[in-house]
Amino acid sequence: MFEYLKGIRSGLHLWVLIIYLFLSCAVPMGIHSSKPFKLLLNFDDLDRSGRWMVVNDGVMGGVSSSNLNLHSEGHLVFKGEVSMEYGGGFASVRTDYENWKIGKFEGFILKVRGDGKTYQFRCRLGNSFDGVAYRHYFQANDENWKEILLPFNEFVPTYRGKILKDSAPMDPESIRHLGLMISDKQSGNFRLEIAWIGVY
């Protein structure tokens, strides 16, 4: 009798494991199953990788450094070192934004992995090099790729690191530049990898 019950219990455990594995594999990127998805920048395709430029705190006398590379495995690598010396403390990159017509979407989606530090995804609405930037914080916590959602209505308007309380919410149709930044006194080496950037 006990052996029979033990067999049933083992069988139930096996079925639970099978169901769990099936559900885990059925929707590897769950958001794609329920929301419209549009790819903007794909870093395994050179023609769809964007035109990026580095903007570090050297513009204000700092000595932080960073660079941006396309990895041979098909993703973007943003890495460098943040230094707090000489009033600095940030490293960033940005790219021109094309006319992607994203007003009908809810936000950005990024596939990332990294070092556990906090980064900013940034959007500029005008063509000014030093204008208002709308930011959204995110983390890439480990070596495994993960998708993160950045809703448009959660972006915060800032100017030179300070929050602007009276600015209008971000209008996604008016975005002219996209960027990545690390700041907030996170000194030392950093590394962030991005497989692609899209909207959902």
N, C-alpha and C. Protein backbone atom coordinates (compact mmCIF):
# COMPACT_ATOMS: atom_id res chain seq x y z
N MET A 1 0.83 -1.21 0.00
CA MET A 1 0.00 0.00 0.00
C MET A 1 0.86 1.26 0.00
N PHE A 2 1.87 1.28 0.89
CA PHE A 2 2.75 2.44 0.98
C PHE A 2 3.53 2.63 -0.32
N GLU A 3 3.95 1.51 -0.91
CA GLU A 3 4.69 1.60 -2.17
C GLU A 3 3.79 2.17 -3.27
N TYR A 4 2.50 1.79 -3.24
CA TYR A 4 1.55 2.29 -4.24
C TYR A 4 1.37 3.81 -4.11
N LEU A 5 1.18 4.29 -2.85
CA LEU A 5 1.02 5.72 -2.61
C LEU A 5 2.29 6.49 -2.99
N LYS A 6 3.44 5.88 -2.70
CA LYS A 6 4.71 6.52 -3.04
C LYS A 6 4.83 6.68 -4.55
N GLY A 7 4.34 5.66 -5.28
CA GLY A 7 4.39 5.73 -6.74
C GLY A 7 3.50 6.83 -7.28
N ILE A 8 2.30 6.98 -6.68
CA ILE A 8 1.39 8.05 -7.10
C ILE A 8 2.03 9.42 -6.87
N ARG A 9 2.65 9.58 -5.68
CA ARG A 9 3.26 10.86 -5.34
C ARG A 9 4.40 11.20 -6.29
N SER A 10 5.20 10.19 -6.63
CA SER A 10 6.30 10.41 -7.57
C SER A 10 5.75 10.79 -8.94
N GLY A 11 4.65 10.12 -9.33
CA GLY A 11 4.05 10.43 -10.62
C GLY A 11 3.52 11.86 -10.68
N LEU A 12 2.90 12.31 -9.57
CA LEU A 12 2.40 13.67 -9.51
C LEU A 12 3.54 14.68 -9.62
N HIS A 13 4.64 14.40 -8.93
CA HIS A 13 5.80 15.30 -9.01
C HIS A 13 6.30 15.38 -10.45
N LEU A 14 6.30 14.25 -11.13
CA LEU A 14 6.78 14.24 -12.51
C LEU A 14 5.88 15.07 -13.41
N TRP A 15 4.55 14.94 -13.22
CA TRP A 15 3.63 15.71 -14.05
C TRP A 15 3.72 17.20 -13.76
N VAL A 16 3.89 17.56 -12.50
CA VAL A 16 4.08 18.98 -12.15
C VAL A 16 5.31 19.54 -12.84
N LEU A 17 6.40 18.76 -12.85
CA LEU A 17 7.63 19.19 -13.50
C LEU A 17 7.43 19.36 -15.00
N ILE A 18 6.72 18.39 -15.62
CA ILE A 18 6.47 18.46 -17.06
C ILE A 18 5.65 19.70 -17.41
N ILE A 19 4.59 19.95 -16.63
CA ILE A 19 3.73 21.12 -16.89
C ILE A 19 4.52 22.41 -16.73
N TYR A 20 5.36 22.48 -15.69
CA TYR A 20 6.18 23.67 -15.45
C TYR A 20 7.13 23.94 -16.61
N LEU A 21 7.79 22.87 -17.09
CA LEU A 21 8.72 23.04 -18.21
C LEU A 21 7.99 23.46 -19.47
N PHE A 22 6.80 22.90 -19.69
CA PHE A 22 6.03 23.27 -20.88
C PHE A 22 5.65 24.74 -20.86
N LEU A 23 5.14 25.22 -19.70
CA LEU A 23 4.75 26.62 -19.60
C LEU A 23 5.94 27.54 -19.70
N SER A 24 7.10 27.12 -19.19
CA SER A 24 8.30 27.95 -19.24
C SER A 24 8.78 28.11 -20.67
N CYS A 25 8.64 27.07 -21.47
CA CYS A 25 9.15 27.11 -22.84
C CYS A 25 8.13 27.67 -23.82
N ALA A 26 6.85 27.59 -23.47
CA ALA A 26 5.83 27.98 -24.43
C ALA A 26 5.88 29.46 -24.76
N VAL A 27 6.20 30.33 -23.77
CA VAL A 27 6.25 31.76 -23.99
C VAL A 27 7.57 32.29 -23.47
N PRO A 28 8.68 32.09 -24.18
CA PRO A 28 9.98 32.51 -23.70
C PRO A 28 10.09 34.02 -23.56
N MET A 29 9.33 34.79 -24.37
CA MET A 29 9.33 36.24 -24.27
C MET A 29 7.87 36.66 -24.20
N GLY A 30 7.30 36.57 -22.98
CA GLY A 30 5.87 36.62 -22.80
C GLY A 30 5.17 37.82 -23.40
N ILE A 31 5.83 38.96 -23.40
CA ILE A 31 5.15 40.16 -23.88
C ILE A 31 4.76 40.04 -25.34
N HIS A 32 5.50 39.28 -26.12
CA HIS A 32 5.20 39.15 -27.54
C HIS A 32 3.90 38.41 -27.79
N SER A 33 3.44 37.65 -26.82
CA SER A 33 2.24 36.86 -27.01
C SER A 33 0.97 37.67 -26.84
N SER A 34 1.05 38.85 -26.19
CA SER A 34 -0.16 39.58 -25.87
C SER A 34 -0.16 41.04 -26.32
N LYS A 35 0.97 41.58 -26.77
CA LYS A 35 1.05 42.99 -27.13
C LYS A 35 1.68 43.16 -28.50
N PRO A 36 1.28 44.21 -29.24
CA PRO A 36 1.98 44.52 -30.48
C PRO A 36 3.44 44.85 -30.17
N PHE A 37 4.32 44.44 -31.03
CA PHE A 37 5.74 44.65 -30.78
C PHE A 37 6.40 45.15 -32.06
N LYS A 38 7.23 46.17 -31.93
CA LYS A 38 7.93 46.74 -33.08
C LYS A 38 9.39 46.92 -32.75
N LEU A 39 10.26 46.36 -33.56
CA LEU A 39 11.70 46.46 -33.35
C LEU A 39 12.21 47.76 -33.96
N LEU A 40 12.95 48.56 -33.16
CA LEU A 40 13.50 49.82 -33.64
C LEU A 40 14.97 49.69 -34.01
N LEU A 41 15.76 49.17 -33.08
CA LEU A 41 17.20 49.01 -33.29
C LEU A 41 17.57 47.57 -33.01
N ASN A 42 18.17 46.92 -33.99
CA ASN A 42 18.54 45.51 -33.87
C ASN A 42 20.05 45.40 -34.06
N PHE A 43 20.75 44.99 -33.01
CA PHE A 43 22.21 45.07 -33.02
C PHE A 43 22.91 43.86 -33.62
N ASP A 44 22.14 42.94 -34.20
CA ASP A 44 22.78 41.90 -35.01
C ASP A 44 22.67 42.24 -36.49
N ASP A 45 22.17 43.45 -36.76
CA ASP A 45 22.05 43.94 -38.14
C ASP A 45 22.69 45.33 -38.20
N LEU A 46 23.84 45.44 -38.84
CA LEU A 46 24.59 46.69 -38.86
C LEU A 46 23.76 47.84 -39.42
N ASP A 47 22.92 47.57 -40.39
CA ASP A 47 22.11 48.62 -41.01
C ASP A 47 21.00 49.12 -40.10
N ARG A 48 20.68 48.36 -39.05
CA ARG A 48 19.61 48.76 -38.13
C ARG A 48 20.14 49.00 -36.72
N SER A 49 21.42 49.34 -36.60
CA SER A 49 22.04 49.52 -35.29
C SER A 49 22.06 50.96 -34.83
N GLY A 50 21.74 51.92 -35.70
CA GLY A 50 21.76 53.32 -35.33
C GLY A 50 23.13 53.95 -35.49
N ARG A 51 23.16 55.28 -35.41
CA ARG A 51 24.41 56.04 -35.48
C ARG A 51 24.69 56.63 -34.10
N TRP A 52 25.54 55.97 -33.34
CA TRP A 52 25.76 56.32 -31.95
C TRP A 52 26.98 57.22 -31.77
N MET A 53 26.94 58.05 -30.74
CA MET A 53 28.10 58.87 -30.36
C MET A 53 28.25 58.86 -28.85
N VAL A 54 29.49 58.97 -28.39
CA VAL A 54 29.80 58.97 -26.96
C VAL A 54 29.77 60.40 -26.43
N VAL A 55 29.11 60.60 -25.27
CA VAL A 55 29.08 61.90 -24.60
C VAL A 55 29.36 61.66 -23.12
N ASN A 56 30.61 61.87 -22.71
CA ASN A 56 31.00 61.66 -21.31
C ASN A 56 31.12 62.99 -20.58
N ASP A 57 31.47 62.91 -19.28
CA ASP A 57 31.54 64.12 -18.47
C ASP A 57 32.72 65.03 -18.81
N GLY A 58 33.52 64.66 -19.81
CA GLY A 58 34.58 65.55 -20.27
C GLY A 58 34.03 66.88 -20.76
N VAL A 59 32.75 66.92 -21.15
CA VAL A 59 32.14 68.17 -21.60
C VAL A 59 32.03 69.17 -20.46
N MET A 60 32.19 68.71 -19.20
CA MET A 60 32.14 69.60 -18.04
C MET A 60 33.39 69.45 -17.18
N GLY A 61 34.47 68.92 -17.76
CA GLY A 61 35.75 68.84 -17.05
C GLY A 61 36.04 67.52 -16.38
N GLY A 62 35.14 66.55 -16.47
CA GLY A 62 35.35 65.25 -15.84
C GLY A 62 36.28 64.35 -16.64
N VAL A 63 36.58 63.18 -16.06
CA VAL A 63 37.52 62.26 -16.70
C VAL A 63 36.94 60.85 -16.85
N SER A 64 35.63 60.70 -16.78
CA SER A 64 35.02 59.38 -17.02
C SER A 64 35.25 58.98 -18.47
N SER A 65 35.25 57.68 -18.71
CA SER A 65 35.50 57.18 -20.07
C SER A 65 34.49 56.09 -20.40
N SER A 66 34.19 55.97 -21.69
CA SER A 66 33.30 54.90 -22.14
C SER A 66 33.50 54.67 -23.62
N ASN A 67 33.05 53.52 -24.07
CA ASN A 67 33.05 53.23 -25.50
C ASN A 67 31.87 52.32 -25.81
N LEU A 68 31.57 52.25 -27.08
CA LEU A 68 30.42 51.49 -27.55
C LEU A 68 30.88 50.62 -28.71
N ASN A 69 30.59 49.32 -28.61
CA ASN A 69 31.02 48.38 -29.65
C ASN A 69 29.90 47.43 -30.02
N LEU A 70 29.93 46.97 -31.25
CA LEU A 70 29.05 45.89 -31.68
C LEU A 70 29.79 44.57 -31.50
N HIS A 71 29.25 43.72 -30.63
CA HIS A 71 29.87 42.43 -30.35
C HIS A 71 29.66 41.49 -31.53
N SER A 72 30.61 40.57 -31.71
CA SER A 72 30.52 39.62 -32.83
C SER A 72 29.30 38.71 -32.72
N GLU A 73 28.76 38.55 -31.50
CA GLU A 73 27.57 37.72 -31.31
C GLU A 73 26.27 38.46 -31.61
N GLY A 74 26.38 39.74 -31.98
CA GLY A 74 25.19 40.47 -32.40
C GLY A 74 24.49 41.26 -31.32
N HIS A 75 25.22 41.96 -30.47
CA HIS A 75 24.61 42.86 -29.50
C HIS A 75 25.53 44.04 -29.24
N LEU A 76 24.98 45.08 -28.65
CA LEU A 76 25.71 46.31 -28.37
C LEU A 76 26.33 46.22 -26.98
N VAL A 77 27.58 46.67 -26.84
CA VAL A 77 28.28 46.68 -25.56
C VAL A 77 28.65 48.12 -25.20
N PHE A 78 28.08 48.62 -24.11
CA PHE A 78 28.37 49.95 -23.57
C PHE A 78 29.17 49.74 -22.29
N LYS A 79 30.44 50.14 -22.29
CA LYS A 79 31.29 49.87 -21.13
C LYS A 79 32.27 51.02 -20.93
N GLY A 80 32.86 51.05 -19.73
CA GLY A 80 33.83 52.09 -19.44
C GLY A 80 34.06 52.22 -17.95
N GLU A 81 34.42 53.43 -17.53
CA GLU A 81 34.69 53.70 -16.11
C GLU A 81 34.19 55.08 -15.75
N VAL A 82 33.40 55.15 -14.69
CA VAL A 82 32.89 56.43 -14.19
C VAL A 82 33.81 56.93 -13.09
N SER A 83 34.22 58.18 -13.20
CA SER A 83 35.08 58.82 -12.19
C SER A 83 34.37 60.04 -11.63
N MET A 84 34.52 60.25 -10.32
CA MET A 84 33.92 61.40 -9.67
C MET A 84 34.89 62.59 -9.61
N GLU A 85 36.07 62.44 -10.16
CA GLU A 85 37.07 63.50 -10.08
C GLU A 85 36.70 64.69 -10.95
N TYR A 86 37.13 65.86 -10.51
CA TYR A 86 36.98 67.11 -11.26
C TYR A 86 35.52 67.44 -11.57
N GLY A 87 34.65 67.06 -10.66
CA GLY A 87 33.24 67.42 -10.81
C GLY A 87 32.48 66.61 -11.83
N GLY A 88 33.05 65.49 -12.26
CA GLY A 88 32.38 64.66 -13.25
C GLY A 88 31.47 63.63 -12.60
N GLY A 89 31.27 62.51 -13.30
CA GLY A 89 30.47 61.45 -12.71
C GLY A 89 29.45 60.82 -13.63
N PHE A 90 29.62 60.95 -14.95
CA PHE A 90 28.68 60.25 -15.83
C PHE A 90 29.36 59.86 -17.14
N ALA A 91 28.79 58.84 -17.75
CA ALA A 91 29.18 58.41 -19.10
C ALA A 91 27.90 58.10 -19.85
N SER A 92 27.88 58.43 -21.13
CA SER A 92 26.65 58.22 -21.89
C SER A 92 26.93 58.05 -23.38
N VAL A 93 25.92 57.53 -24.06
CA VAL A 93 25.93 57.43 -25.52
C VAL A 93 24.54 57.80 -26.01
N ARG A 94 24.47 58.26 -27.24
CA ARG A 94 23.17 58.60 -27.81
C ARG A 94 23.18 58.36 -29.31
N THR A 95 21.99 58.21 -29.85
CA THR A 95 21.85 57.99 -31.29
C THR A 95 20.72 58.83 -31.84
N ASP A 96 20.84 59.19 -33.11
CA ASP A 96 19.74 59.89 -33.77
C ASP A 96 18.52 58.98 -33.83
N TYR A 97 17.38 59.60 -33.71
CA TYR A 97 16.12 58.87 -33.70
C TYR A 97 15.45 59.02 -35.06
N GLU A 98 15.06 57.93 -35.64
CA GLU A 98 14.39 57.99 -36.93
C GLU A 98 12.88 58.17 -36.74
N ASN A 99 12.19 58.46 -37.80
CA ASN A 99 10.74 58.68 -37.74
C ASN A 99 10.01 57.35 -37.72
N TRP A 100 9.95 56.73 -36.52
CA TRP A 100 9.42 55.38 -36.41
C TRP A 100 7.91 55.30 -36.19
N LYS A 101 7.26 56.44 -35.94
CA LYS A 101 5.80 56.45 -35.74
C LYS A 101 5.39 55.53 -34.59
N ILE A 102 5.73 55.93 -33.36
CA ILE A 102 5.50 55.05 -32.22
C ILE A 102 4.43 55.57 -31.27
N GLY A 103 3.66 56.56 -31.68
CA GLY A 103 2.67 57.15 -30.79
C GLY A 103 1.60 56.18 -30.32
N LYS A 104 1.32 55.15 -31.09
CA LYS A 104 0.26 54.20 -30.72
C LYS A 104 0.74 53.15 -29.72
N PHE A 105 2.02 53.14 -29.41
CA PHE A 105 2.56 52.15 -28.48
C PHE A 105 2.57 52.69 -27.05
N GLU A 106 2.86 51.81 -26.09
CA GLU A 106 2.80 52.15 -24.67
C GLU A 106 4.17 52.52 -24.09
N GLY A 107 5.24 51.98 -24.67
CA GLY A 107 6.55 52.24 -24.09
C GLY A 107 7.65 51.51 -24.84
N PHE A 108 8.86 51.68 -24.35
CA PHE A 108 10.01 50.98 -24.93
C PHE A 108 10.19 49.62 -24.27
N ILE A 109 10.76 48.70 -25.01
CA ILE A 109 11.16 47.41 -24.46
C ILE A 109 12.60 47.16 -24.89
N LEU A 110 13.45 46.75 -23.93
CA LEU A 110 14.86 46.50 -24.18
C LEU A 110 15.20 45.09 -23.75
N LYS A 111 16.05 44.44 -24.51
CA LYS A 111 16.59 43.16 -24.09
C LYS A 111 18.03 43.40 -23.66
N VAL A 112 18.32 43.19 -22.35
CA VAL A 112 19.60 43.60 -21.79
C VAL A 112 20.18 42.55 -20.85
N ARG A 113 21.45 42.69 -20.58
CA ARG A 113 22.12 42.01 -19.48
C ARG A 113 23.28 42.89 -19.05
N GLY A 114 23.74 42.72 -17.80
CA GLY A 114 24.78 43.64 -17.33
C GLY A 114 25.33 43.31 -15.98
N ASP A 115 25.78 44.37 -15.30
CA ASP A 115 26.58 44.23 -14.08
C ASP A 115 25.81 44.54 -12.81
N GLY A 116 24.51 44.77 -12.90
CA GLY A 116 23.72 45.06 -11.71
C GLY A 116 23.63 46.52 -11.35
N LYS A 117 24.34 47.39 -12.08
CA LYS A 117 24.27 48.82 -11.80
C LYS A 117 23.00 49.41 -12.41
N THR A 118 22.70 50.64 -11.98
CA THR A 118 21.50 51.32 -12.46
C THR A 118 21.85 52.23 -13.63
N TYR A 119 21.09 52.09 -14.70
CA TYR A 119 21.32 52.88 -15.91
C TYR A 119 20.08 53.72 -16.23
N GLN A 120 20.28 54.69 -17.11
CA GLN A 120 19.17 55.50 -17.59
C GLN A 120 18.97 55.25 -19.08
N PHE A 121 17.71 55.09 -19.48
CA PHE A 121 17.35 55.16 -20.89
C PHE A 121 16.79 56.55 -21.10
N ARG A 122 17.34 57.29 -22.07
CA ARG A 122 17.04 58.71 -22.19
C ARG A 122 16.48 59.05 -23.57
N CYS A 123 15.56 60.01 -23.58
CA CYS A 123 14.96 60.49 -24.82
C CYS A 123 15.01 62.02 -24.84
N ARG A 124 15.41 62.57 -25.97
CA ARG A 124 15.38 64.02 -26.17
C ARG A 124 14.36 64.36 -27.25
N LEU A 125 13.57 65.40 -26.98
CA LEU A 125 12.49 65.75 -27.89
C LEU A 125 12.91 66.74 -28.96
N GLY A 126 13.94 67.52 -28.70
CA GLY A 126 14.38 68.52 -29.67
C GLY A 126 15.72 68.16 -30.26
N ASN A 127 16.20 69.03 -31.15
CA ASN A 127 17.48 68.80 -31.79
C ASN A 127 18.65 69.42 -31.03
N SER A 128 18.36 70.09 -29.90
CA SER A 128 19.41 70.71 -29.10
C SER A 128 20.30 69.65 -28.46
N PHE A 129 21.61 69.90 -28.48
CA PHE A 129 22.56 68.95 -27.89
C PHE A 129 22.41 68.90 -26.38
N ASP A 130 21.99 70.00 -25.77
CA ASP A 130 21.95 70.10 -24.31
C ASP A 130 20.56 70.51 -23.82
N GLY A 131 19.53 69.95 -24.41
CA GLY A 131 18.18 70.32 -24.02
C GLY A 131 17.61 69.41 -22.95
N VAL A 132 16.30 69.45 -22.78
CA VAL A 132 15.61 68.62 -21.80
C VAL A 132 15.70 67.15 -22.23
N ALA A 133 15.98 66.29 -21.25
CA ALA A 133 16.04 64.85 -21.50
C ALA A 133 15.04 64.15 -20.59
N TYR A 134 14.28 63.23 -21.15
CA TYR A 134 13.36 62.41 -20.36
C TYR A 134 14.05 61.08 -20.07
N ARG A 135 14.06 60.70 -18.79
CA ARG A 135 14.82 59.52 -18.39
C ARG A 135 13.94 58.48 -17.72
N HIS A 136 14.39 57.24 -17.81
CA HIS A 136 13.75 56.13 -17.10
C HIS A 136 14.87 55.22 -16.60
N TYR A 137 14.91 54.94 -15.31
CA TYR A 137 15.94 54.07 -14.73
C TYR A 137 15.62 52.60 -15.00
N PHE A 138 16.68 51.80 -15.12
CA PHE A 138 16.51 50.35 -15.21
C PHE A 138 17.80 49.68 -14.75
N GLN A 139 17.70 48.39 -14.45
CA GLN A 139 18.85 47.60 -14.04
C GLN A 139 18.96 46.35 -14.90
N ALA A 140 20.20 45.95 -15.16
CA ALA A 140 20.49 44.67 -15.80
C ALA A 140 21.31 43.88 -14.80
N ASN A 141 20.69 42.91 -14.15
CA ASN A 141 21.23 42.38 -12.91
C ASN A 141 22.20 41.22 -13.03
N ASP A 142 22.24 40.52 -14.14
CA ASP A 142 23.10 39.34 -14.19
C ASP A 142 23.50 39.03 -15.62
N GLU A 143 24.07 37.86 -15.81
CA GLU A 143 24.58 37.49 -17.12
C GLU A 143 23.51 36.93 -18.04
N ASN A 144 22.30 36.76 -17.54
CA ASN A 144 21.21 36.23 -18.36
C ASN A 144 20.45 37.37 -19.03
N TRP A 145 20.11 37.20 -20.29
CA TRP A 145 19.33 38.21 -20.99
C TRP A 145 17.94 38.33 -20.38
N LYS A 146 17.43 39.54 -20.30
CA LYS A 146 16.06 39.74 -19.85
C LYS A 146 15.46 40.94 -20.59
N GLU A 147 14.14 40.93 -20.71
CA GLU A 147 13.43 42.03 -21.35
C GLU A 147 12.86 42.94 -20.27
N ILE A 148 13.04 44.24 -20.44
CA ILE A 148 12.51 45.21 -19.49
C ILE A 148 11.59 46.18 -20.22
N LEU A 149 10.53 46.58 -19.53
CA LEU A 149 9.54 47.51 -20.09
C LEU A 149 9.72 48.89 -19.49
N LEU A 150 9.71 49.91 -20.34
CA LEU A 150 9.84 51.30 -19.90
C LEU A 150 8.65 52.09 -20.44
N PRO A 151 7.55 52.16 -19.69
CA PRO A 151 6.35 52.86 -20.17
C PRO A 151 6.63 54.34 -20.44
N PHE A 152 6.07 54.86 -21.52
CA PHE A 152 6.27 56.27 -21.87
C PHE A 152 5.85 57.19 -20.74
N ASN A 153 4.74 56.86 -20.06
CA ASN A 153 4.21 57.77 -19.04
C ASN A 153 5.00 57.76 -17.74
N GLU A 154 6.05 56.95 -17.67
CA GLU A 154 6.91 56.93 -16.48
C GLU A 154 8.23 57.66 -16.69
N PHE A 155 8.45 58.20 -17.89
CA PHE A 155 9.68 58.95 -18.14
C PHE A 155 9.60 60.31 -17.44
N VAL A 156 10.72 60.72 -16.84
CA VAL A 156 10.78 61.94 -16.03
C VAL A 156 11.61 63.00 -16.76
N PRO A 157 11.09 64.23 -16.91
CA PRO A 157 11.85 65.29 -17.58
C PRO A 157 12.98 65.82 -16.69
N THR A 158 14.17 65.95 -17.25
CA THR A 158 15.33 66.44 -16.49
C THR A 158 16.14 67.40 -17.35
N TYR A 159 16.94 68.21 -16.66
CA TYR A 159 17.91 69.07 -17.34
C TYR A 159 19.19 69.08 -16.51
N ARG A 160 20.25 68.56 -17.10
CA ARG A 160 21.55 68.45 -16.42
C ARG A 160 21.41 67.75 -15.07
N GLY A 161 20.63 66.71 -15.05
CA GLY A 161 20.50 65.88 -13.86
C GLY A 161 19.42 66.30 -12.88
N LYS A 162 18.81 67.46 -13.09
CA LYS A 162 17.78 67.94 -12.18
C LYS A 162 16.39 67.72 -12.78
N ILE A 163 15.46 67.28 -11.93
CA ILE A 163 14.10 67.02 -12.38
C ILE A 163 13.36 68.33 -12.62
N LEU A 164 12.65 68.41 -13.74
CA LEU A 164 11.85 69.58 -14.09
C LEU A 164 10.39 69.29 -13.76
N LYS A 165 9.88 69.95 -12.75
CA LYS A 165 8.54 69.65 -12.26
C LYS A 165 7.43 70.21 -13.15
N ASP A 166 7.72 71.25 -13.92
CA ASP A 166 6.67 71.92 -14.68
C ASP A 166 6.64 71.52 -16.15
N SER A 167 7.47 70.58 -16.55
CA SER A 167 7.51 70.18 -17.96
C SER A 167 6.36 69.24 -18.29
N ALA A 168 5.96 69.26 -19.54
CA ALA A 168 4.88 68.39 -20.01
C ALA A 168 5.34 66.95 -20.07
N PRO A 169 4.43 65.98 -20.02
CA PRO A 169 4.81 64.58 -20.18
C PRO A 169 5.47 64.35 -21.54
N MET A 170 6.25 63.29 -21.62
CA MET A 170 6.96 63.00 -22.85
C MET A 170 5.99 62.62 -23.97
N ASP A 171 6.16 63.25 -25.12
CA ASP A 171 5.39 62.92 -26.31
C ASP A 171 6.25 62.02 -27.19
N PRO A 172 5.92 60.73 -27.29
CA PRO A 172 6.79 59.82 -28.05
C PRO A 172 6.94 60.19 -29.52
N GLU A 173 5.95 60.88 -30.09
CA GLU A 173 6.05 61.27 -31.50
C GLU A 173 7.06 62.39 -31.72
N SER A 174 7.48 63.07 -30.63
CA SER A 174 8.40 64.21 -30.75
C SER A 174 9.84 63.84 -30.43
N ILE A 175 10.12 62.57 -30.12
CA ILE A 175 11.47 62.15 -29.76
C ILE A 175 12.42 62.31 -30.95
N ARG A 176 13.62 62.85 -30.68
CA ARG A 176 14.62 63.04 -31.73
C ARG A 176 15.92 62.28 -31.45
N HIS A 177 16.18 61.93 -30.20
CA HIS A 177 17.39 61.19 -29.85
C HIS A 177 17.07 60.16 -28.77
N LEU A 178 17.72 59.01 -28.83
CA LEU A 178 17.68 57.99 -27.78
C LEU A 178 19.07 57.87 -27.18
N GLY A 179 19.14 57.55 -25.88
CA GLY A 179 20.45 57.44 -25.26
C GLY A 179 20.47 56.52 -24.06
N LEU A 180 21.68 56.20 -23.64
CA LEU A 180 21.95 55.41 -22.43
C LEU A 180 22.93 56.19 -21.58
N MET A 181 22.76 56.13 -20.26
CA MET A 181 23.65 56.86 -19.35
C MET A 181 23.83 56.09 -18.06
N ILE A 182 25.02 56.23 -17.47
CA ILE A 182 25.27 55.79 -16.11
C ILE A 182 25.80 56.99 -15.34
N SER A 183 25.24 57.24 -14.16
CA SER A 183 25.63 58.40 -13.36
C SER A 183 25.32 58.11 -11.90
N ASP A 184 24.82 59.11 -11.16
CA ASP A 184 24.37 58.94 -9.77
C ASP A 184 25.45 58.38 -8.87
N LYS A 185 26.68 58.87 -9.04
CA LYS A 185 27.82 58.53 -8.17
C LYS A 185 28.17 57.05 -8.18
N GLN A 186 27.92 56.38 -9.30
CA GLN A 186 28.28 54.96 -9.43
C GLN A 186 29.68 54.86 -10.03
N SER A 187 30.67 55.19 -9.24
CA SER A 187 32.04 55.21 -9.74
C SER A 187 32.56 53.80 -9.97
N GLY A 188 33.54 53.69 -10.87
CA GLY A 188 34.15 52.40 -11.17
C GLY A 188 33.76 51.90 -12.55
N ASN A 189 34.21 50.68 -12.83
CA ASN A 189 33.95 50.08 -14.13
C ASN A 189 32.48 49.69 -14.28
N PHE A 190 32.00 49.71 -15.50
CA PHE A 190 30.63 49.30 -15.79
C PHE A 190 30.59 48.59 -17.14
N ARG A 191 29.53 47.80 -17.32
CA ARG A 191 29.33 47.10 -18.59
C ARG A 191 27.84 46.78 -18.75
N LEU A 192 27.27 47.23 -19.85
CA LEU A 192 25.88 46.98 -20.18
C LEU A 192 25.81 46.45 -21.61
N GLU A 193 25.04 45.38 -21.81
CA GLU A 193 24.88 44.80 -23.14
C GLU A 193 23.40 44.87 -23.54
N ILE A 194 23.16 45.25 -24.79
CA ILE A 194 21.80 45.40 -25.29
C ILE A 194 21.66 44.61 -26.58
N ALA A 195 20.69 43.71 -26.63
CA ALA A 195 20.47 42.91 -27.83
C ALA A 195 19.64 43.68 -28.85
N TRP A 196 18.62 44.39 -28.38
CA TRP A 196 17.78 45.19 -29.27
C TRP A 196 16.94 46.16 -28.46
N ILE A 197 16.38 47.14 -29.16
CA ILE A 197 15.48 48.13 -28.57
C ILE A 197 14.22 48.18 -29.43
N GLY A 198 13.07 48.11 -28.76
CA GLY A 198 11.82 48.16 -29.50
C GLY A 198 10.75 48.91 -28.73
N VAL A 199 9.53 48.85 -29.22
CA VAL A 199 8.38 49.42 -28.52
C VAL A 199 7.27 48.37 -28.44
N TYR A 200 6.45 48.49 -27.41
CA TYR A 200 5.35 47.54 -27.22
C TYR A 200 4.03 48.28 -27.09
